[in-house]
Amino acid sequence: MIENFLGDATQRMDKSVEATHEHFNSVRTGRATPALLDRIQIDYYGTPTPLKNLATINAPEPRLLTIQPFDPSSIKSVEKAIQESDLGLTPSNDGKLIRLPIPQLTEERRKELVKLVRSMAEEGRVAVRNVRRDAIRHLEELVKNGDTGDDDERAAEQRVQKLTDEHVAKIDDLLKRKEAEIMEV
């Protein structure tokens, strides 16, 4: 029974690390990548829809993204959503295709992005710690219900703490790499 809780906790912590990694990919460095636009939602006929579901996104050059909406009538709403996002990019369209030039990052903007990435990492760490808290609460309930002994619970709590430390270290490692990528000129 304890193994089930530990397996579940491991899975949930892995998902938290993966979600943090995906958030990091949506932060722009100096290079054009379609993942930059993953967080952008378009108001498409009254429904918030991810941009990647409404358009083809390509990176034909290292500093340029092209966005070709499947529905040409949605080009204005796509352009508006990009302008209103926190990416700091200015789109231009020719009626069928939106070009999104990726300017070189300024030192100030790099520092802002590092702060953003650090807050994303902290959210990931908090998610991992929440999984730890839930797992320990379940272990305590097992002891209270008489399903397991105190020694087993203590050993399981130590394993949960070790899992937590490993996953937080993974997030810290991802953060270090992303910070280096952002600060690279």
C-alpha atoms as a PDB file:
ATOM      1  CA  MET A   1       0.000   0.000   0.000  1.00  0.00           C
ATOM      2  CA  ILE A   2       2.844   2.390   0.864  1.00  0.00           C
ATOM      3  CA  GLU A   3       4.488   1.551  -2.479  1.00  0.00           C
ATOM      4  CA  ASN A   4       1.311   2.711  -4.252  1.00  0.00           C
ATOM      5  CA  PHE A   5       1.508   6.094  -2.520  1.00  0.00           C
ATOM      6  CA  LEU A   6       5.195   6.435  -3.325  1.00  0.00           C
ATOM      7  CA  GLY A   7       4.632   5.476  -6.966  1.00  0.00           C
ATOM      8  CA  ASP A   8       1.797   8.000  -7.259  1.00  0.00           C
ATOM      9  CA  ALA A   9       3.895  10.714  -5.594  1.00  0.00           C
ATOM     10  CA  THR A  10       6.804  10.014  -7.967  1.00  0.00           C
ATOM     11  CA  GLN A  11       4.509  10.256 -10.978  1.00  0.00           C
ATOM     12  CA  ARG A  12       2.991  13.542  -9.818  1.00  0.00           C
ATOM     13  CA  MET A  13       6.420  15.020  -9.056  1.00  0.00           C
ATOM     14  CA  ASP A  14       7.660  13.972 -12.510  1.00  0.00           C
ATOM     15  CA  LYS A  15       4.666  15.771 -14.034  1.00  0.00           C
ATOM     16  CA  SER A  16       5.519  18.926 -12.054  1.00  0.00           C
ATOM     17  CA  VAL A  17       9.105  18.858 -13.352  1.00  0.00           C
ATOM     18  CA  GLU A  18       7.875  18.295 -16.920  1.00  0.00           C
ATOM     19  CA  ALA A  19       5.353  21.162 -16.650  1.00  0.00           C
ATOM     20  CA  THR A  20       8.115  23.471 -15.402  1.00  0.00           C
ATOM     21  CA  HIS A  21      10.297  22.431 -18.351  1.00  0.00           C
ATOM     22  CA  GLU A  22       7.468  23.219 -20.780  1.00  0.00           C
ATOM     23  CA  HIS A  23       6.981  26.648 -19.165  1.00  0.00           C
ATOM     24  CA  PHE A  24      10.697  27.323 -19.613  1.00  0.00           C
ATOM     25  CA  ASN A  25      10.436  26.494 -23.331  1.00  0.00           C
ATOM     26  CA  SER A  26       7.836  29.227 -23.769  1.00  0.00           C
ATOM     27  CA  VAL A  27      10.296  31.907 -22.577  1.00  0.00           C
ATOM     28  CA  ARG A  28      12.168  33.426 -25.466  1.00  0.00           C
ATOM     29  CA  THR A  29      15.916  33.481 -25.549  1.00  0.00           C
ATOM     30  CA  GLY A  30      17.474  35.007 -28.658  1.00  0.00           C
ATOM     31  CA  ARG A  31      16.448  32.300 -31.058  1.00  0.00           C
ATOM     32  CA  ALA A  32      13.160  31.862 -32.887  1.00  0.00           C
ATOM     33  CA  THR A  33      11.321  28.698 -31.849  1.00  0.00           C
ATOM     34  CA  PRO A  34       7.619  27.863 -32.282  1.00  0.00           C
ATOM     35  CA  ALA A  35       7.472  26.924 -28.564  1.00  0.00           C
ATOM     36  CA  LEU A  36       7.642  30.662 -27.777  1.00  0.00           C
ATOM     37  CA  LEU A  37       4.001  30.962 -28.787  1.00  0.00           C
ATOM     38  CA  ASP A  38       2.714  27.977 -26.758  1.00  0.00           C
ATOM     39  CA  ARG A  39       1.188  30.166 -24.035  1.00  0.00           C
ATOM     40  CA  ILE A  40      -0.692  32.445 -26.445  1.00  0.00           C
ATOM     41  CA  GLN A  41      -4.468  32.008 -26.441  1.00  0.00           C
ATOM     42  CA  ILE A  42      -6.649  33.433 -29.235  1.00  0.00           C
ATOM     43  CA  ASP A  43     -10.265  34.433 -28.704  1.00  0.00           C
ATOM     44  CA  TYR A  44     -11.674  32.351 -31.557  1.00  0.00           C
ATOM     45  CA  TYR A  45     -15.448  32.791 -31.872  1.00  0.00           C
ATOM     46  CA  GLY A  46     -15.710  33.450 -28.132  1.00  0.00           C
ATOM     47  CA  THR A  47     -13.570  30.487 -27.075  1.00  0.00           C
ATOM     48  CA  PRO A  48      -9.980  30.870 -25.836  1.00  0.00           C
ATOM     49  CA  THR A  49      -7.980  28.567 -28.124  1.00  0.00           C
ATOM     50  CA  PRO A  50      -4.202  27.899 -28.186  1.00  0.00           C
ATOM     51  CA  LEU A  51      -2.518  29.532 -31.184  1.00  0.00           C
ATOM     52  CA  LYS A  52      -0.877  26.260 -32.229  1.00  0.00           C
ATOM     53  CA  ASN A  53      -4.385  24.796 -32.788  1.00  0.00           C
ATOM     54  CA  LEU A  54      -5.338  27.634 -35.154  1.00  0.00           C
ATOM     55  CA  ALA A  55      -2.221  28.117 -37.256  1.00  0.00           C
ATOM     56  CA  THR A  56       0.954  26.663 -38.696  1.00  0.00           C
ATOM     57  CA  ILE A  57       3.989  28.117 -36.917  1.00  0.00           C
ATOM     58  CA  ASN A  58       7.408  27.911 -38.581  1.00  0.00           C
ATOM     59  CA  ALA A  59      10.901  29.248 -37.931  1.00  0.00           C
ATOM     60  CA  PRO A  60      12.347  29.766 -41.450  1.00  0.00           C
ATOM     61  CA  GLU A  61      15.273  31.817 -40.086  1.00  0.00           C
ATOM     62  CA  PRO A  62      17.005  31.948 -36.674  1.00  0.00           C
ATOM     63  CA  ARG A  63      15.377  35.314 -35.876  1.00  0.00           C
ATOM     64  CA  LEU A  64      11.988  34.988 -37.595  1.00  0.00           C
ATOM     65  CA  LEU A  65       8.754  33.117 -36.918  1.00  0.00           C
ATOM     66  CA  THR A  66       5.978  32.841 -39.480  1.00  0.00           C
ATOM     67  CA  ILE A  67       2.388  32.149 -38.480  1.00  0.00           C
ATOM     68  CA  GLN A  68      -0.141  31.066 -41.081  1.00  0.00           C
ATOM     69  CA  PRO A  69      -3.673  30.813 -39.665  1.00  0.00           C
ATOM     70  CA  PHE A  70      -5.836  28.009 -41.053  1.00  0.00           C
ATOM     71  CA  ASP A  71      -8.719  30.497 -41.144  1.00  0.00           C
ATOM     72  CA  PRO A  72      -7.529  33.750 -42.828  1.00  0.00           C
ATOM     73  CA  SER A  73     -10.336  35.701 -41.116  1.00  0.00           C
ATOM     74  CA  SER A  74      -8.689  35.099 -37.726  1.00  0.00           C
ATOM     75  CA  ILE A  75      -5.440  36.864 -38.691  1.00  0.00           C
ATOM     76  CA  LYS A  76      -6.374  40.105 -36.866  1.00  0.00           C
ATOM     77  CA  SER A  77      -7.213  38.324 -33.594  1.00  0.00           C
ATOM     78  CA  VAL A  78      -3.946  36.331 -33.797  1.00  0.00           C
ATOM     79  CA  GLU A  79      -1.978  39.534 -34.345  1.00  0.00           C
ATOM     80  CA  LYS A  80      -3.776  41.266 -31.461  1.00  0.00           C
ATOM     81  CA  ALA A  81      -3.124  38.350 -29.057  1.00  0.00           C
ATOM     82  CA  ILE A  82       0.608  38.389 -29.877  1.00  0.00           C
ATOM     83  CA  GLN A  83       0.819  42.150 -29.306  1.00  0.00           C
ATOM     84  CA  GLU A  84      -0.997  41.892 -25.965  1.00  0.00           C
ATOM     85  CA  SER A  85       1.206  39.015 -24.742  1.00  0.00           C
ATOM     86  CA  ASP A  86       4.227  39.487 -22.464  1.00  0.00           C
ATOM     87  CA  LEU A  87       6.631  38.419 -25.230  1.00  0.00           C
ATOM     88  CA  GLY A  88       7.422  41.969 -26.322  1.00  0.00           C
ATOM     89  CA  LEU A  89       7.182  41.107 -30.034  1.00  0.00           C
ATOM     90  CA  THR A  90       5.626  43.125 -32.857  1.00  0.00           C
ATOM     91  CA  PRO A  91       3.892  41.099 -35.577  1.00  0.00           C
ATOM     92  CA  SER A  92       3.384  42.253 -39.165  1.00  0.00           C
ATOM     93  CA  ASN A  93       1.008  40.607 -41.623  1.00  0.00           C
ATOM     94  CA  ASP A  94       0.521  40.585 -45.376  1.00  0.00           C
ATOM     95  CA  GLY A  95      -3.083  39.348 -45.292  1.00  0.00           C
ATOM     96  CA  LYS A  96      -2.214  35.635 -45.275  1.00  0.00           C
ATOM     97  CA  LEU A  97       0.943  35.295 -43.211  1.00  0.00           C
ATOM     98  CA  ILE A  98       2.106  36.916 -39.974  1.00  0.00           C
ATOM     99  CA  ARG A  99       5.835  37.555 -39.693  1.00  0.00           C
ATOM    100  CA  LEU A 100       7.233  37.804 -36.200  1.00  0.00           C
ATOM    101  CA  PRO A 101      10.820  39.099 -36.122  1.00  0.00           C
ATOM    102  CA  ILE A 102      12.698  38.160 -32.944  1.00  0.00           C
ATOM    103  CA  PRO A 103      14.888  41.106 -31.937  1.00  0.00           C
ATOM    104  CA  GLN A 104      18.159  40.727 -30.068  1.00  0.00           C
ATOM    105  CA  LEU A 105      17.491  40.805 -26.316  1.00  0.00           C
ATOM    106  CA  THR A 106      18.670  43.813 -24.321  1.00  0.00           C
ATOM    107  CA  GLU A 107      20.491  43.293 -21.023  1.00  0.00           C
ATOM    108  CA  GLU A 108      17.483  44.674 -19.141  1.00  0.00           C
ATOM    109  CA  ARG A 109      15.073  42.314 -20.924  1.00  0.00           C
ATOM    110  CA  ARG A 110      17.386  39.366 -20.222  1.00  0.00           C
ATOM    111  CA  LYS A 111      17.274  40.170 -16.497  1.00  0.00           C
ATOM    112  CA  GLU A 112      13.455  40.409 -16.608  1.00  0.00           C
ATOM    113  CA  LEU A 113      13.298  37.007 -18.321  1.00  0.00           C
ATOM    114  CA  VAL A 114      15.624  35.488 -15.698  1.00  0.00           C
ATOM    115  CA  LYS A 115      13.242  36.768 -12.971  1.00  0.00           C
ATOM    116  CA  LEU A 116      10.295  35.255 -14.862  1.00  0.00           C
ATOM    117  CA  VAL A 117      12.073  31.908 -15.204  1.00  0.00           C
ATOM    118  CA  ARG A 118      12.986  31.919 -11.501  1.00  0.00           C
ATOM    119  CA  SER A 119       9.353  32.462 -10.527  1.00  0.00           C
ATOM    120  CA  MET A 120       8.332  29.601 -12.842  1.00  0.00           C
ATOM    121  CA  ALA A 121      10.927  27.381 -11.153  1.00  0.00           C
ATOM    122  CA  GLU A 122       9.577  28.345  -7.730  1.00  0.00           C
ATOM    123  CA  GLU A 123       6.058  27.385  -8.863  1.00  0.00           C
ATOM    124  CA  GLY A 124       7.447  23.999  -9.906  1.00  0.00           C
ATOM    125  CA  ARG A 125       9.165  23.534  -6.538  1.00  0.00           C
ATOM    126  CA  VAL A 126       5.942  24.443  -4.727  1.00  0.00           C
ATOM    127  CA  ALA A 127       4.037  21.884  -6.811  1.00  0.00           C
ATOM    128  CA  VAL A 128       6.576  19.194  -5.868  1.00  0.00           C
ATOM    129  CA  ARG A 129       6.329  20.148  -2.179  1.00  0.00           C
ATOM    130  CA  ASN A 130       2.531  19.997  -2.365  1.00  0.00           C
ATOM    131  CA  VAL A 131       2.800  16.419  -3.641  1.00  0.00           C
ATOM    132  CA  ARG A 132       5.117  15.658  -0.684  1.00  0.00           C
ATOM    133  CA  ARG A 133       2.612  17.171   1.759  1.00  0.00           C
ATOM    134  CA  ASP A 134      -0.244  15.101   0.292  1.00  0.00           C
ATOM    135  CA  ALA A 135       1.805  11.884   0.394  1.00  0.00           C
ATOM    136  CA  ILE A 136       2.795  12.434   4.029  1.00  0.00           C
ATOM    137  CA  ARG A 137      -0.822  13.190   4.956  1.00  0.00           C
ATOM    138  CA  HIS A 138      -1.913   9.895   3.336  1.00  0.00           C
ATOM    139  CA  LEU A 139       0.819   8.021   5.207  1.00  0.00           C
ATOM    140  CA  GLU A 140      -0.342   9.533   8.498  1.00  0.00           C
ATOM    141  CA  GLU A 141      -3.907   8.417   7.709  1.00  0.00           C
ATOM    142  CA  LEU A 142      -2.648   4.862   7.118  1.00  0.00           C
ATOM    143  CA  VAL A 143      -1.080   4.860  10.585  1.00  0.00           C
ATOM    144  CA  LYS A 144      -4.212   6.367  12.147  1.00  0.00           C
ATOM    145  CA  ASN A 145      -6.376   3.683  10.506  1.00  0.00           C
ATOM    146  CA  GLY A 146      -3.992   0.966  11.688  1.00  0.00           C
ATOM    147  CA  ASP A 147      -3.063  -0.122   8.146  1.00  0.00           C
ATOM    148  CA  THR A 148       0.678   0.324   8.777  1.00  0.00           C
ATOM    149  CA  GLY A 149       3.090   0.841  11.659  1.00  0.00           C
ATOM    150  CA  ASP A 150       4.994   3.926  12.803  1.00  0.00           C
ATOM    151  CA  ASP A 151       8.349   2.547  11.631  1.00  0.00           C
ATOM    152  CA  ASP A 152       7.034   1.881   8.112  1.00  0.00           C
ATOM    153  CA  GLU A 153       5.525   5.350   8.026  1.00  0.00           C
ATOM    154  CA  ARG A 154       8.802   6.995   9.106  1.00  0.00           C
ATOM    155  CA  ALA A 155      10.770   5.052   6.482  1.00  0.00           C
ATOM    156  CA  ALA A 156       8.212   5.993   3.809  1.00  0.00           C
ATOM    157  CA  GLU A 157       8.331   9.659   4.859  1.00  0.00           C
ATOM    158  CA  GLN A 158      12.100   9.611   4.453  1.00  0.00           C
ATOM    159  CA  ARG A 159      11.707   8.129   0.962  1.00  0.00           C
ATOM    160  CA  VAL A 160       9.131  10.804   0.085  1.00  0.00           C
ATOM    161  CA  GLN A 161      11.551  13.494   1.298  1.00  0.00           C
ATOM    162  CA  LYS A 162      14.352  11.963  -0.799  1.00  0.00           C
ATOM    163  CA  LEU A 163      12.054  11.964  -3.865  1.00  0.00           C
ATOM    164  CA  THR A 164      11.175  15.596  -3.171  1.00  0.00           C
ATOM    165  CA  ASP A 165      14.842  16.588  -2.925  1.00  0.00           C
ATOM    166  CA  GLU A 166      15.645  14.788  -6.207  1.00  0.00           C
ATOM    167  CA  HIS A 167      12.801  16.500  -8.086  1.00  0.00           C
ATOM    168  CA  VAL A 168      13.616  19.952  -6.683  1.00  0.00           C
ATOM    169  CA  ALA A 169      17.240  19.378  -7.782  1.00  0.00           C
ATOM    170  CA  LYS A 170      15.998  18.554 -11.316  1.00  0.00           C
ATOM    171  CA  ILE A 171      14.038  21.823 -11.402  1.00  0.00           C
ATOM    172  CA  ASP A 172      17.090  23.730 -10.134  1.00  0.00           C
ATOM    173  CA  ASP A 173      19.199  22.125 -12.875  1.00  0.00           C
ATOM    174  CA  LEU A 174      16.650  23.105 -15.537  1.00  0.00           C
ATOM    175  CA  LEU A 175      16.642  26.642 -14.114  1.00  0.00           C
ATOM    176  CA  LYS A 176      20.446  26.894 -14.262  1.00  0.00           C
ATOM    177  CA  ARG A 177      20.491  25.809 -17.913  1.00  0.00           C
ATOM    178  CA  LYS A 178      17.666  28.191 -18.877  1.00  0.00           C
ATOM    179  CA  GLU A 179      19.319  31.133 -17.101  1.00  0.00           C
ATOM    180  CA  ALA A 180      22.579  30.422 -18.960  1.00  0.00           C
ATOM    181  CA  GLU A 181      20.645  30.216 -22.251  1.00  0.00           C
ATOM    182  CA  ILE A 182      18.917  33.563 -21.596  1.00  0.00           C
ATOM    183  CA  MET A 183      22.086  35.380 -20.532  1.00  0.00           C
ATOM    184  CA  GLU A 184      24.079  34.012 -23.494  1.00  0.00           C
ATOM    185  CA  VAL A 185      24.753  36.843 -25.984  1.00  0.00           C
END
